[in-house]
PDB file of N, CA and C in Angstrom:
ATOM      1  N   MET A   1      54.400 135.405 209.318  1.00  0.00           N
ATOM      2  CA  MET A   1      53.638 136.149 208.250  1.00  0.00           C
ATOM      3  C   MET A   1      54.493 136.403 206.906  1.00  0.00           C
ATOM      4  N   LEU A   2      54.004 136.371 205.933  1.00  0.00           N
ATOM      5  CA  LEU A   2      54.719 136.596 204.706  1.00  0.00           C
ATOM      6  C   LEU A   2      55.319 138.198 204.710  1.00  0.00           C
ATOM      7  N   THR A   3      56.536 138.322 204.199  1.00  0.00           N
ATOM      8  CA  THR A   3      57.257 139.512 204.139  1.00  0.00           C
ATOM      9  C   THR A   3      57.532 140.014 202.727  1.00  0.00           C
ATOM     10  N   LEU A   4      57.422 141.041 202.375  1.00  0.00           N
ATOM     11  CA  LEU A   4      57.713 141.656 201.007  1.00  0.00           C
ATOM     12  C   LEU A   4      59.055 142.271 200.919  1.00  0.00           C
ATOM     13  N   THR A   5      59.774 142.046 200.017  1.00  0.00           N
ATOM     14  CA  THR A   5      61.016 142.928 199.736  1.00  0.00           C
ATOM     15  C   THR A   5      60.585 144.348 199.194  1.00  0.00           C
ATOM     16  N   GLU A   6      61.267 145.396 199.062  1.00  0.00           N
ATOM     17  CA  GLU A   6      60.955 146.777 198.693  1.00  0.00           C
ATOM     18  C   GLU A   6      60.625 146.611 197.181  1.00  0.00           C
ATOM     19  N   THR A   7      61.225 145.676 196.521  1.00  0.00           N
ATOM     20  CA  THR A   7      60.854 145.515 195.052  1.00  0.00           C
ATOM     21  C   THR A   7      59.609 144.903 194.674  1.00  0.00           C
ATOM     22  N   ALA A   8      59.336 143.856 195.469  1.00  0.00           N
ATOM     23  CA  ALA A   8      57.869 143.209 195.383  1.00  0.00           C
ATOM     24  C   ALA A   8      56.985 144.155 195.922  1.00  0.00           C
ATOM     25  N   ALA A   9      57.194 144.853 196.872  1.00  0.00           N
ATOM     26  CA  ALA A   9      56.012 146.018 197.378  1.00  0.00           C
ATOM     27  C   ALA A   9      55.874 146.919 196.251  1.00  0.00           C
ATOM     28  N   GLU A  10      56.986 147.424 195.514  1.00  0.00           N
ATOM     29  CA  GLU A  10      56.641 148.380 194.419  1.00  0.00           C
ATOM     30  C   GLU A  10      55.983 147.852 193.230  1.00  0.00           C
ATOM     31  N   VAL A  11      56.286 146.567 192.910  1.00  0.00           N
ATOM     32  CA  VAL A  11      55.783 145.912 191.864  1.00  0.00           C
ATOM     33  C   VAL A  11      54.161 145.743 192.140  1.00  0.00           C
ATOM     34  N   VAL A  12      53.860 145.184 193.373  1.00  0.00           N
ATOM     35  CA  VAL A  12      52.447 145.054 193.697  1.00  0.00           C
ATOM     36  C   VAL A  12      51.503 146.417 193.631  1.00  0.00           C
ATOM     37  N   ARG A  13      52.260 147.280 194.228  1.00  0.00           N
ATOM     38  CA  ARG A  13      51.593 148.617 194.254  1.00  0.00           C
ATOM     39  C   ARG A  13      51.391 149.094 192.735  1.00  0.00           C
ATOM     40  N   THR A  14      52.255 148.830 191.688  1.00  0.00           N
ATOM     41  CA  THR A  14      52.281 149.372 190.541  1.00  0.00           C
ATOM     42  C   THR A  14      51.030 148.529 189.795  1.00  0.00           C
ATOM     43  N   LEU A  15      50.962 147.208 190.028  1.00  0.00           N
ATOM     44  CA  LEU A  15      50.201 146.450 189.302  1.00  0.00           C
ATOM     45  C   LEU A  15      48.904 146.770 189.947  1.00  0.00           C
ATOM     46  N   VAL A  16      48.561 147.049 191.043  1.00  0.00           N
ATOM     47  CA  VAL A  16      47.175 147.560 191.754  1.00  0.00           C
ATOM     48  C   VAL A  16      46.666 148.814 191.084  1.00  0.00           C
ATOM     49  N   GLU A  17      47.814 149.662 191.193  1.00  0.00           N
ATOM     50  CA  GLU A  17      47.358 151.126 190.797  1.00  0.00           C
ATOM     51  C   GLU A  17      46.849 151.116 189.166  1.00  0.00           C
ATOM     52  N   GLN A  18      47.422 150.088 188.337  1.00  0.00           N
ATOM     53  CA  GLN A  18      46.810 150.088 187.053  1.00  0.00           C
ATOM     54  C   GLN A  18      45.593 149.091 186.857  1.00  0.00           C
ATOM     55  N   SER A  19      45.321 148.685 187.859  1.00  0.00           N
ATOM     56  CA  SER A  19      44.129 147.689 187.865  1.00  0.00           C
ATOM     57  C   SER A  19      42.900 148.676 187.787  1.00  0.00           C
ATOM     58  N   GLU A  20      41.760 147.909 187.820  1.00  0.00           N
ATOM     59  CA  GLU A  20      40.496 148.497 187.900  1.00  0.00           C
ATOM     60  C   GLU A  20      39.952 149.015 189.099  1.00  0.00           C
ATOM     61  N   ALA A  21      40.547 148.397 190.419  1.00  0.00           N
ATOM     62  CA  ALA A  21      40.155 148.720 191.865  1.00  0.00           C
ATOM     63  C   ALA A  21      41.526 149.140 192.432  1.00  0.00           C
ATOM     64  N   PRO A  22      41.812 150.286 192.165  1.00  0.00           N
ATOM     65  CA  PRO A  22      43.295 150.616 192.739  1.00  0.00           C
ATOM     66  C   PRO A  22      43.110 150.814 194.404  1.00  0.00           C
ATOM     67  N   ASP A  23      42.030 151.298 194.866  1.00  0.00           N
ATOM     68  CA  ASP A  23      41.759 151.539 196.089  1.00  0.00           C
ATOM     69  C   ASP A  23      41.669 150.437 197.087  1.00  0.00           C
ATOM     70  N   SER A  24      40.996 149.539 196.733  1.00  0.00           N
ATOM     71  CA  SER A  24      40.738 148.301 197.663  1.00  0.00           C
ATOM     72  C   SER A  24      41.639 146.954 197.014  1.00  0.00           C
ATOM     73  N   GLY A  25      42.195 147.058 195.777  1.00  0.00           N
ATOM     74  CA  GLY A  25      42.598 145.872 195.246  1.00  0.00           C
ATOM     75  C   GLY A  25      43.971 145.380 195.833  1.00  0.00           C
ATOM     76  N   GLY A  26      44.378 144.244 195.457  1.00  0.00           N
ATOM     77  CA  GLY A  26      45.631 143.628 196.006  1.00  0.00           C
ATOM     78  C   GLY A  26      45.917 142.435 194.955  1.00  0.00           C
ATOM     79  N   LEU A  27      47.041 141.986 195.388  1.00  0.00           N
ATOM     80  CA  LEU A  27      47.511 140.857 194.480  1.00  0.00           C
ATOM     81  C   LEU A  27      47.098 139.641 195.714  1.00  0.00           C
ATOM     82  N   ARG A  28      46.509 138.687 195.004  1.00  0.00           N
ATOM     83  CA  ARG A  28      45.874 137.539 195.881  1.00  0.00           C
ATOM     84  C   ARG A  28      46.696 136.385 195.463  1.00  0.00           C
ATOM     85  N   ILE A  29      47.132 135.584 196.588  1.00  0.00           N
ATOM     86  CA  ILE A  29      47.955 134.539 196.491  1.00  0.00           C
ATOM     87  C   ILE A  29      46.973 133.265 197.135  1.00  0.00           C
ATOM     88  N   ALA A  30      46.648 132.250 196.251  1.00  0.00           N
ATOM     89  CA  ALA A  30      46.080 131.266 196.678  1.00  0.00           C
ATOM     90  C   ALA A  30      46.645 129.804 196.276  1.00  0.00           C
ATOM     91  N   ALA A  31      46.429 128.850 197.488  1.00  0.00           N
ATOM     92  CA  ALA A  31      47.255 127.539 197.312  1.00  0.00           C
ATOM     93  C   ALA A  31      46.320 126.922 196.464  1.00  0.00           C
ATOM     94  N   ALA A  32      46.574 126.190 195.321  1.00  0.00           N
ATOM     95  CA  ALA A  32      45.841 125.354 194.194  1.00  0.00           C
ATOM     96  C   ALA A  32      46.047 123.802 194.715  1.00  0.00           C
ATOM     97  N   ASP A  33      46.065 123.061 193.739  1.00  0.00           N
ATOM     98  CA  ASP A  33      46.329 121.573 193.816  1.00  0.00           C
ATOM     99  C   ASP A  33      47.685 121.339 194.379  1.00  0.00           C
ATOM    100  N   SER A  34      47.754 120.138 195.257  1.00  0.00           N
ATOM    101  CA  SER A  34      49.084 119.762 195.498  1.00  0.00           C
ATOM    102  C   SER A  34      49.523 118.604 194.102  1.00  0.00           C
ATOM    103  N   THR A  35      50.794 118.864 194.144  1.00  0.00           N
ATOM    104  CA  THR A  35      51.497 118.080 192.929  1.00  0.00           C
ATOM    105  C   THR A  35      52.686 117.193 193.647  1.00  0.00           C
ATOM    106  N   ILE A  36      53.118 116.549 192.933  1.00  0.00           N
ATOM    107  CA  ILE A  36      54.449 115.937 193.403  1.00  0.00           C
ATOM    108  C   ILE A  36      55.602 116.736 193.787  1.00  0.00           C
ATOM    109  N   GLU A  37      55.695 117.912 193.082  1.00  0.00           N
ATOM    110  CA  GLU A  37      56.678 118.888 193.424  1.00  0.00           C
ATOM    111  C   GLU A  37      56.187 119.772 194.573  1.00  0.00           C
ATOM    112  N   GLY A  38      54.974 119.742 195.175  1.00  0.00           N
ATOM    113  CA  GLY A  38      54.406 120.601 195.787  1.00  0.00           C
ATOM    114  C   GLY A  38      53.038 121.179 195.669  1.00  0.00           C
ATOM    115  N   VAL A  39      52.943 122.421 196.251  1.00  0.00           N
ATOM    116  CA  VAL A  39      51.540 123.000 196.239  1.00  0.00           C
ATOM    117  C   VAL A  39      51.781 124.128 195.193  1.00  0.00           C
ATOM    118  N   GLU A  40      50.958 123.991 194.219  1.00  0.00           N
ATOM    119  CA  GLU A  40      50.794 125.221 193.216  1.00  0.00           C
ATOM    120  C   GLU A  40      50.163 126.340 193.861  1.00  0.00           C
ATOM    121  N   LEU A  41      50.848 127.481 193.417  1.00  0.00           N
ATOM    122  CA  LEU A  41      50.252 128.735 194.078  1.00  0.00           C
ATOM    123  C   LEU A  41      49.600 129.562 192.715  1.00  0.00           C
ATOM    124  N   GLU A  42      48.515 130.190 192.900  1.00  0.00           N
ATOM    125  CA  GLU A  42      48.004 131.019 191.817  1.00  0.00           C
ATOM    126  C   GLU A  42      48.006 132.599 192.412  1.00  0.00           C
ATOM    127  N   LEU A  43      48.227 133.231 191.345  1.00  0.00           N
ATOM    128  CA  LEU A  43      48.402 134.886 191.583  1.00  0.00           C
ATOM    129  C   LEU A  43      47.122 135.313 190.828  1.00  0.00           C
ATOM    130  N   SER A  44      46.650 136.265 191.304  1.00  0.00           N
ATOM    131  CA  SER A  44      45.500 137.271 190.523  1.00  0.00           C
ATOM    132  C   SER A  44      45.540 138.543 191.268  1.00  0.00           C
ATOM    133  N   LEU A  45      45.197 139.381 190.445  1.00  0.00           N
ATOM    134  CA  LEU A  45      44.983 140.821 190.890  1.00  0.00           C
ATOM    135  C   LEU A  45      43.395 140.587 191.294  1.00  0.00           C
ATOM    136  N   VAL A  46      43.078 141.280 192.436  1.00  0.00           N
ATOM    137  CA  VAL A  46      41.572 141.163 192.892  1.00  0.00           C
ATOM    138  C   VAL A  46      41.258 142.596 193.387  1.00  0.00           C
ATOM    139  N   GLY A  47      39.730 142.944 193.295  1.00  0.00           N
ATOM    140  CA  GLY A  47      39.380 144.184 193.609  1.00  0.00           C
ATOM    141  C   GLY A  47      39.257 144.018 195.307  1.00  0.00           C
ATOM    142  N   GLU A  48      39.059 143.040 195.944  1.00  0.00           N
ATOM    143  CA  GLU A  48      38.918 142.847 197.424  1.00  0.00           C
ATOM    144  C   GLU A  48      39.191 141.382 197.797  1.00  0.00           C
ATOM    145  N   PRO A  49      39.552 141.192 198.990  1.00  0.00           N
ATOM    146  CA  PRO A  49      39.926 139.791 199.534  1.00  0.00           C
ATOM    147  C   PRO A  49      38.558 139.094 199.524  1.00  0.00           C
ATOM    148  N   GLU A  50      38.683 137.764 199.651  1.00  0.00           N
ATOM    149  CA  GLU A  50      37.625 136.902 199.932  1.00  0.00           C
ATOM    150  C   GLU A  50      37.579 136.778 201.423  1.00  0.00           C
ATOM    151  N   ALA A  51      36.225 136.331 201.760  1.00  0.00           N
ATOM    152  CA  ALA A  51      35.984 136.312 203.328  1.00  0.00           C
ATOM    153  C   ALA A  51      37.192 135.678 204.211  1.00  0.00           C
ATOM    154  N   LEU A  52      37.838 134.780 203.906  1.00  0.00           N
ATOM    155  CA  LEU A  52      38.624 134.239 204.934  1.00  0.00           C
ATOM    156  C   LEU A  52      40.278 134.529 204.493  1.00  0.00           C
ATOM    157  N   ASP A  53      40.565 135.450 203.747  1.00  0.00           N
ATOM    158  CA  ASP A  53      41.739 135.813 203.313  1.00  0.00           C
ATOM    159  C   ASP A  53      42.559 136.697 204.406  1.00  0.00           C
ATOM    160  N   GLU A  54      43.762 136.437 204.589  1.00  0.00           N
ATOM    161  CA  GLU A  54      44.677 137.059 205.367  1.00  0.00           C
ATOM    162  C   GLU A  54      45.172 138.226 204.667  1.00  0.00           C
ATOM    163  N   THR A  55      45.143 139.571 205.232  1.00  0.00           N
ATOM    164  CA  THR A  55      45.808 140.637 204.538  1.00  0.00           C
ATOM    165  C   THR A  55      47.075 141.005 205.010  1.00  0.00           C
ATOM    166  N   VAL A  56      48.103 140.990 204.117  1.00  0.00           N
ATOM    167  CA  VAL A  56      49.352 141.664 204.393  1.00  0.00           C
ATOM    168  C   VAL A  56      49.679 143.115 203.788  1.00  0.00           C
ATOM    169  N   GLU A  57      49.927 143.823 204.576  1.00  0.00           N
ATOM    170  CA  GLU A  57      50.220 145.419 203.951  1.00  0.00           C
ATOM    171  C   GLU A  57      51.326 145.581 204.223  1.00  0.00           C
ATOM    172  N   GLN A  58      52.222 146.033 203.517  1.00  0.00           N
ATOM    173  CA  GLN A  58      53.800 146.505 203.690  1.00  0.00           C
ATOM    174  C   GLN A  58      53.989 147.608 202.577  1.00  0.00           C
ATOM    175  N   GLU A  59      54.642 148.915 203.022  1.00  0.00           N
ATOM    176  CA  GLU A  59      54.912 149.629 202.133  1.00  0.00           C
ATOM    177  C   GLU A  59      54.060 150.058 201.056  1.00  0.00           C
ATOM    178  N   GLY A  60      52.647 150.161 201.331  1.00  0.00           N
ATOM    179  CA  GLY A  60      51.731 150.703 200.472  1.00  0.00           C
ATOM    180  C   GLY A  60      51.171 149.531 199.529  1.00  0.00           C
ATOM    181  N   ALA A  61      51.697 148.292 199.794  1.00  0.00           N
ATOM    182  CA  ALA A  61      51.304 147.211 198.922  1.00  0.00           C
ATOM    183  C   ALA A  61      50.392 146.304 199.589  1.00  0.00           C
ATOM    184  N   THR A  62      49.397 145.701 198.939  1.00  0.00           N
ATOM    185  CA  THR A  62      48.385 144.728 199.702  1.00  0.00           C
ATOM    186  C   THR A  62      48.476 143.326 198.850  1.00  0.00           C
ATOM    187  N   VAL A  63      48.716 142.460 199.838  1.00  0.00           N
ATOM    188  CA  VAL A  63      48.801 141.062 199.378  1.00  0.00           C
ATOM    189  C   VAL A  63      47.593 140.312 200.137  1.00  0.00           C
ATOM    190  N   TYR A  64      46.677 139.691 199.337  1.00  0.00           N
ATOM    191  CA  TYR A  64      45.747 138.768 200.258  1.00  0.00           C
ATOM    192  C   TYR A  64      46.341 137.413 199.926  1.00  0.00           C
ATOM    193  N   LEU A  65      46.168 136.756 201.151  1.00  0.00           N
ATOM    194  CA  LEU A  65      46.441 135.216 201.066  1.00  0.00           C
ATOM    195  C   LEU A  65      45.244 134.226 201.541  1.00  0.00           C
ATOM    196  N   ASP A  66      45.107 133.347 200.676  1.00  0.00           N
ATOM    197  CA  ASP A  66      43.846 132.429 201.242  1.00  0.00           C
ATOM    198  C   ASP A  66      44.544 131.625 202.276  1.00  0.00           C
ATOM    199  N   PRO A  67      43.669 131.006 203.314  1.00  0.00           N
ATOM    200  CA  PRO A  67      44.242 130.088 204.222  1.00  0.00           C
ATOM    201  C   PRO A  67      45.320 129.148 204.195  1.00  0.00           C
ATOM    202  N   GLY A  68      45.325 128.399 202.942  1.00  0.00           N
ATOM    203  CA  GLY A  68      46.229 127.761 202.463  1.00  0.00           C
ATOM    204  C   GLY A  68      47.551 128.287 202.330  1.00  0.00           C
ATOM    205  N   ALA A  69      47.654 129.371 201.489  1.00  0.00           N
ATOM    206  CA  ALA A  69      48.641 130.012 201.196  1.00  0.00           C
ATOM    207  C   ALA A  69      49.348 130.830 202.425  1.00  0.00           C
ATOM    208  N   ALA A  70      48.462 131.281 203.334  1.00  0.00           N
ATOM    209  CA  ALA A  70      48.921 132.028 204.549  1.00  0.00           C
ATOM    210  C   ALA A  70      49.742 130.935 205.246  1.00  0.00           C
ATOM    211  N   GLU A  71      49.130 129.886 205.307  1.00  0.00           N
ATOM    212  CA  GLU A  71      50.034 128.817 206.307  1.00  0.00           C
ATOM    213  C   GLU A  71      51.320 128.274 205.400  1.00  0.00           C
ATOM    214  N   LEU A  72      51.292 128.166 204.104  1.00  0.00           N
ATOM    215  CA  LEU A  72      52.666 127.903 203.551  1.00  0.00           C
ATOM    216  C   LEU A  72      53.622 128.861 203.463  1.00  0.00           C
ATOM    217  N   LEU A  73      52.963 130.182 203.359  1.00  0.00           N
ATOM    218  CA  LEU A  73      53.989 131.395 203.318  1.00  0.00           C
ATOM    219  C   LEU A  73      54.421 132.135 204.440  1.00  0.00           C
ATOM    220  N   ASP A  74      53.999 131.557 205.638  1.00  0.00           N
ATOM    221  CA  ASP A  74      54.137 132.200 207.107  1.00  0.00           C
ATOM    222  C   ASP A  74      55.548 132.778 207.165  1.00  0.00           C
ATOM    223  N   ASP A  75      56.420 132.047 206.884  1.00  0.00           N
ATOM    224  CA  ASP A  75      57.859 132.496 207.208  1.00  0.00           C
ATOM    225  C   ASP A  75      58.650 132.675 205.879  1.00  0.00           C
ATOM    226  N   LYS A  76      58.004 133.143 204.988  1.00  0.00           N
ATOM    227  CA  LYS A  76      58.663 133.365 203.538  1.00  0.00           C
ATOM    228  C   LYS A  76      58.864 134.945 203.294  1.00  0.00           C
ATOM    229  N   LEU A  77      59.581 134.978 202.236  1.00  0.00           N
ATOM    230  CA  LEU A  77      59.932 136.579 201.684  1.00  0.00           C
ATOM    231  C   LEU A  77      59.519 136.507 200.245  1.00  0.00           C
ATOM    232  N   LEU A  78      58.640 137.392 199.825  1.00  0.00           N
ATOM    233  CA  LEU A  78      58.200 137.672 198.560  1.00  0.00           C
ATOM    234  C   LEU A  78      59.110 138.572 197.932  1.00  0.00           C
ATOM    235  N   ASP A  79      59.719 138.243 196.768  1.00  0.00           N
ATOM    236  CA  ASP A  79      60.687 139.170 196.136  1.00  0.00           C
ATOM    237  C   ASP A  79      60.159 139.325 194.630  1.00  0.00           C
ATOM    238  N   ALA A  80      60.675 140.246 193.823  1.00  0.00           N
ATOM    239  CA  ALA A  80      60.044 140.419 192.463  1.00  0.00           C
ATOM    240  C   ALA A  80      61.321 140.735 191.589  1.00  0.00           C
ATOM    241  N   GLN A  81      61.378 140.132 190.361  1.00  0.00           N
ATOM    242  CA  GLN A  81      62.269 140.359 189.509  1.00  0.00           C
ATOM    243  C   GLN A  81      61.546 140.799 188.359  1.00  0.00           C
ATOM    244  N   VAL A  82      62.205 142.189 187.799  1.00  0.00           N
ATOM    245  CA  VAL A  82      61.541 142.779 186.702  1.00  0.00           C
ATOM    246  C   VAL A  82      62.135 142.690 185.483  1.00  0.00           C
ATOM    247  N   ALA A  83      61.730 142.315 184.372  1.00  0.00           N
ATOM    248  CA  ALA A  83      62.404 142.296 183.021  1.00  0.00           C
ATOM    249  C   ALA A  83      61.810 143.235 182.353  1.00  0.00           C
ATOM    250  N   ASP A  84      62.030 143.358 181.028  1.00  0.00           N
ATOM    251  CA  ASP A  84      61.267 144.379 180.182  1.00  0.00           C
ATOM    252  C   ASP A  84      59.913 144.205 179.802  1.00  0.00           C
ATOM    253  N   ASP A  85      59.662 142.911 179.808  1.00  0.00           N
ATOM    254  CA  ASP A  85      58.168 142.674 179.553  1.00  0.00           C
ATOM    255  C   ASP A  85      57.311 141.816 180.514  1.00  0.00           C
ATOM    256  N   HIS A  86      58.013 141.466 181.593  1.00  0.00           N
ATOM    257  CA  HIS A  86      57.349 140.723 182.636  1.00  0.00           C
ATOM    258  C   HIS A  86      58.048 141.026 183.943  1.00  0.00           C
ATOM    259  N   VAL A  87      57.106 140.483 184.793  1.00  0.00           N
ATOM    260  CA  VAL A  87      57.572 140.089 186.265  1.00  0.00           C
ATOM    261  C   VAL A  87      57.612 138.798 186.729  1.00  0.00           C
ATOM    262  N   THR A  88      58.778 138.397 187.398  1.00  0.00           N
ATOM    263  CA  THR A  88      58.693 137.178 188.063  1.00  0.00           C
ATOM    264  C   THR A  88      58.739 137.270 189.630  1.00  0.00           C
ATOM    265  N   PHE A  89      57.850 136.549 190.233  1.00  0.00           N
ATOM    266  CA  PHE A  89      57.847 136.811 191.738  1.00  0.00           C
ATOM    267  C   PHE A  89      58.596 135.631 192.223  1.00  0.00           C
ATOM    268  N   VAL A  90      59.269 135.599 193.141  1.00  0.00           N
ATOM    269  CA  VAL A  90      60.142 134.602 193.867  1.00  0.00           C
ATOM    270  C   VAL A  90      60.030 134.599 195.341  1.00  0.00           C
ATOM    271  N   LEU A  91      59.878 133.424 195.738  1.00  0.00           N
ATOM    272  CA  LEU A  91      59.833 133.045 197.324  1.00  0.00           C
ATOM    273  C   LEU A  91      60.996 132.665 197.579  1.00  0.00           C
ATOM    274  N   ARG A  92      61.382 133.167 198.897  1.00  0.00           N
ATOM    275  CA  ARG A  92      62.518 132.911 199.585  1.00  0.00           C
ATOM    276  C   ARG A  92      62.385 132.485 201.027  1.00  0.00           C
ATOM    277  N   GLU A  93      63.285 131.768 201.772  1.00  0.00           N
ATOM    278  CA  GLU A  93      63.087 131.706 203.126  1.00  0.00           C
ATOM    279  C   GLU A  93      63.432 132.940 203.632  1.00  0.00           C
ATOM    280  N   ASP A  94      62.770 133.274 204.652  1.00  0.00           N
ATOM    281  CA  ASP A  94      62.711 134.625 205.351  1.00  0.00           C
ATOM    282  C   ASP A  94      64.199 135.052 205.725  1.00  0.00           C
ATOM    283  N   GLY A  95      65.084 134.189 205.998  1.00  0.00           N
ATOM    284  CA  GLY A  95      66.420 134.558 206.213  1.00  0.00           C
ATOM    285  C   GLY A  95      67.335 134.818 204.957  1.00  0.00           C
ATOM    286  N   GLY A  96      66.614 134.897 203.853  1.00  0.00           N
ATOM    287  CA  GLY A  96      67.407 135.048 202.429  1.00  0.00           C
ATOM    288  C   GLY A  96      67.760 133.762 202.004  1.00  0.00           C
ATOM    289  N   GLY A  97      68.845 133.645 201.134  1.00  0.00           N
ATOM    290  CA  GLY A  97      69.397 132.483 200.559  1.00  0.00           C
ATOM    291  C   GLY A  97      68.803 132.389 199.248  1.00  0.00           C
ATOM    292  N   GLU A  98      68.892 131.178 198.559  1.00  0.00           N
ATOM    293  CA  GLU A  98      68.421 130.797 197.313  1.00  0.00           C
ATOM    294  C   GLU A  98      66.901 130.899 197.167  1.00  0.00           C
ATOM    295  N   PRO A  99      66.222 131.138 196.316  1.00  0.00           N
ATOM    296  CA  PRO A  99      64.818 131.104 195.975  1.00  0.00           C
ATOM    297  C   PRO A  99      64.548 129.489 196.021  1.00  0.00           C
ATOM    298  N   PHE A 100      63.479 129.194 196.527  1.00  0.00           N
ATOM    299  CA  PHE A 100      63.118 127.678 196.421  1.00  0.00           C
ATOM    300  C   PHE A 100      61.781 127.785 195.624  1.00  0.00           C
ATOM    301  N   GLU A 101      61.259 128.742 195.222  1.00  0.00           N
ATOM    302  CA  GLU A 101      60.076 128.737 194.160  1.00  0.00           C
ATOM    303  C   GLU A 101      59.994 130.058 193.514  1.00  0.00           C
ATOM    304  N   SER A 102      59.736 130.065 192.227  1.00  0.00           N
ATOM    305  CA  SER A 102      59.426 131.280 191.769  1.00  0.00           C
ATOM    306  C   SER A 102      58.467 131.197 190.455  1.00  0.00           C
ATOM    307  N   PHE A 103      57.689 132.006 190.374  1.00  0.00           N
ATOM    308  CA  PHE A 103      56.445 131.991 189.417  1.00  0.00           C
ATOM    309  C   PHE A 103      56.174 133.281 188.627  1.00  0.00           C
ATOM    310  N   VAL A 104      55.883 133.190 187.377  1.00  0.00           N
ATOM    311  CA  VAL A 104      55.673 134.075 186.380  1.00  0.00           C
ATOM    312  C   VAL A 104      54.168 134.273 186.261  1.00  0.00           C
ATOM    313  N   PRO A 105      53.485 135.419 186.786  1.00  0.00           N
ATOM    314  CA  PRO A 105      52.246 135.645 186.359  1.00  0.00           C
ATOM    315  C   PRO A 105      51.862 135.205 184.707  1.00  0.00           C
ATOM    316  N   ASP A 106      50.784 134.562 184.839  1.00  0.00           N
ATOM    317  CA  ASP A 106      50.394 134.239 183.268  1.00  0.00           C
ATOM    318  C   ASP A 106      49.405 135.246 182.750  1.00  0.00           C
ATOM    319  N   GLU A 107      50.133 136.016 181.744  1.00  0.00           N
ATOM    320  CA  GLU A 107      49.166 137.215 181.305  1.00  0.00           C
ATOM    321  C   GLU A 107      47.921 136.689 180.733  1.00  0.00           C
ATOM    322  N   ASP A 108      47.735 135.627 180.078  1.00  0.00           N
ATOM    323  CA  ASP A 108      46.264 135.178 179.655  1.00  0.00           C
ATOM    324  C   ASP A 108      45.646 134.947 180.956  1.00  0.00           C
ATOM    325  N   ALA A 109      45.839 134.298 181.921  1.00  0.00           N
ATOM    326  CA  ALA A 109      45.146 134.009 183.289  1.00  0.00           C
ATOM    327  C   ALA A 109      44.667 135.271 183.793  1.00  0.00           C
ATOM    328  N   TRP A 110      45.705 136.388 183.844  1.00  0.00           N
ATOM    329  CA  TRP A 110      45.342 137.644 184.418  1.00  0.00           C
ATOM    330  C   TRP A 110      44.160 138.304 183.556  1.00  0.00           C
ATOM    331  N   THR A 111      44.413 138.179 182.273  1.00  0.00           N
ATOM    332  CA  THR A 111      43.543 138.822 181.452  1.00  0.00           C
ATOM    333  C   THR A 111      42.056 138.219 181.629  1.00  0.00           C
ATOM    334  N   ARG A 112      42.095 137.029 181.705  1.00  0.00           N
ATOM    335  CA  ARG A 112      41.038 136.153 181.813  1.00  0.00           C
ATOM    336  C   ARG A 112      40.287 136.457 183.141  1.00  0.00           C
ATOM    337  N   ARG A 113      40.875 136.532 184.221  1.00  0.00           N
ATOM    338  CA  ARG A 113      40.161 136.763 185.434  1.00  0.00           C
ATOM    339  C   ARG A 113      39.914 138.141 185.844  1.00  0.00           C
ATOM    340  N   ASN A 114      40.611 139.259 185.266  1.00  0.00           N
ATOM    341  CA  ASN A 114      40.595 140.552 185.700  1.00  0.00           C
ATOM    342  C   ASN A 114      39.988 141.635 184.374  1.00  0.00           C
ATOM    343  N   GLY A 115      40.146 141.123 183.014  1.00  0.00           N
ATOM    344  CA  GLY A 115      39.686 141.809 182.125  1.00  0.00           C
ATOM    345  C   GLY A 115      40.761 142.647 181.646  1.00  0.00           C
ATOM    346  N   ASN A 116      41.897 142.569 182.402  1.00  0.00           N
ATOM    347  CA  ASN A 116      43.128 143.399 181.766  1.00  0.00           C
ATOM    348  C   ASN A 116      44.487 142.658 182.255  1.00  0.00           C
ATOM    349  N   GLY A 117      45.381 142.645 181.595  1.00  0.00           N
ATOM    350  CA  GLY A 117      46.474 142.106 181.987  1.00  0.00           C
ATOM    351  C   GLY A 117      47.589 142.923 182.511  1.00  0.00           C
ATOM    352  N   PRO A 118      48.720 142.746 183.236  1.00  0.00           N
ATOM    353  CA  PRO A 118      49.547 143.681 183.687  1.00  0.00           C
ATOM    354  C   PRO A 118      50.172 144.418 182.487  1.00  0.00           C
ATOM    355  N   HIS A 119      50.570 145.529 182.760  1.00  0.00           N
ATOM    356  CA  HIS A 119      50.936 146.556 181.747  1.00  0.00           C
ATOM    357  C   HIS A 119      52.426 146.636 181.904  1.00  0.00           C
TER     358      HIS A 119
END
């Protein structure tokens, strides 16, 4: 199952607390289209999980994984790097080591999906 670092848990908690659904909300990770480089992951803040989502709760943070993402991220570690004006989530092998994937939430997409972007 996906594991969160303390930093990632703190970032997810903060984003959800600033969202419109702080009590039931979470960060949802969904597997999108496969590309030559691999499978694209989509991140969004949601008020509740979809029917088949797996729920990962750690240190007060809630992450919902669609079935495809749950399978892909089963043995991964989610970390977060915070800069002044943005957050970058990084996936690592659970044993640590170099990141194999990093992604920055697209503020426009977050705003479009949720009516408010990360603050």
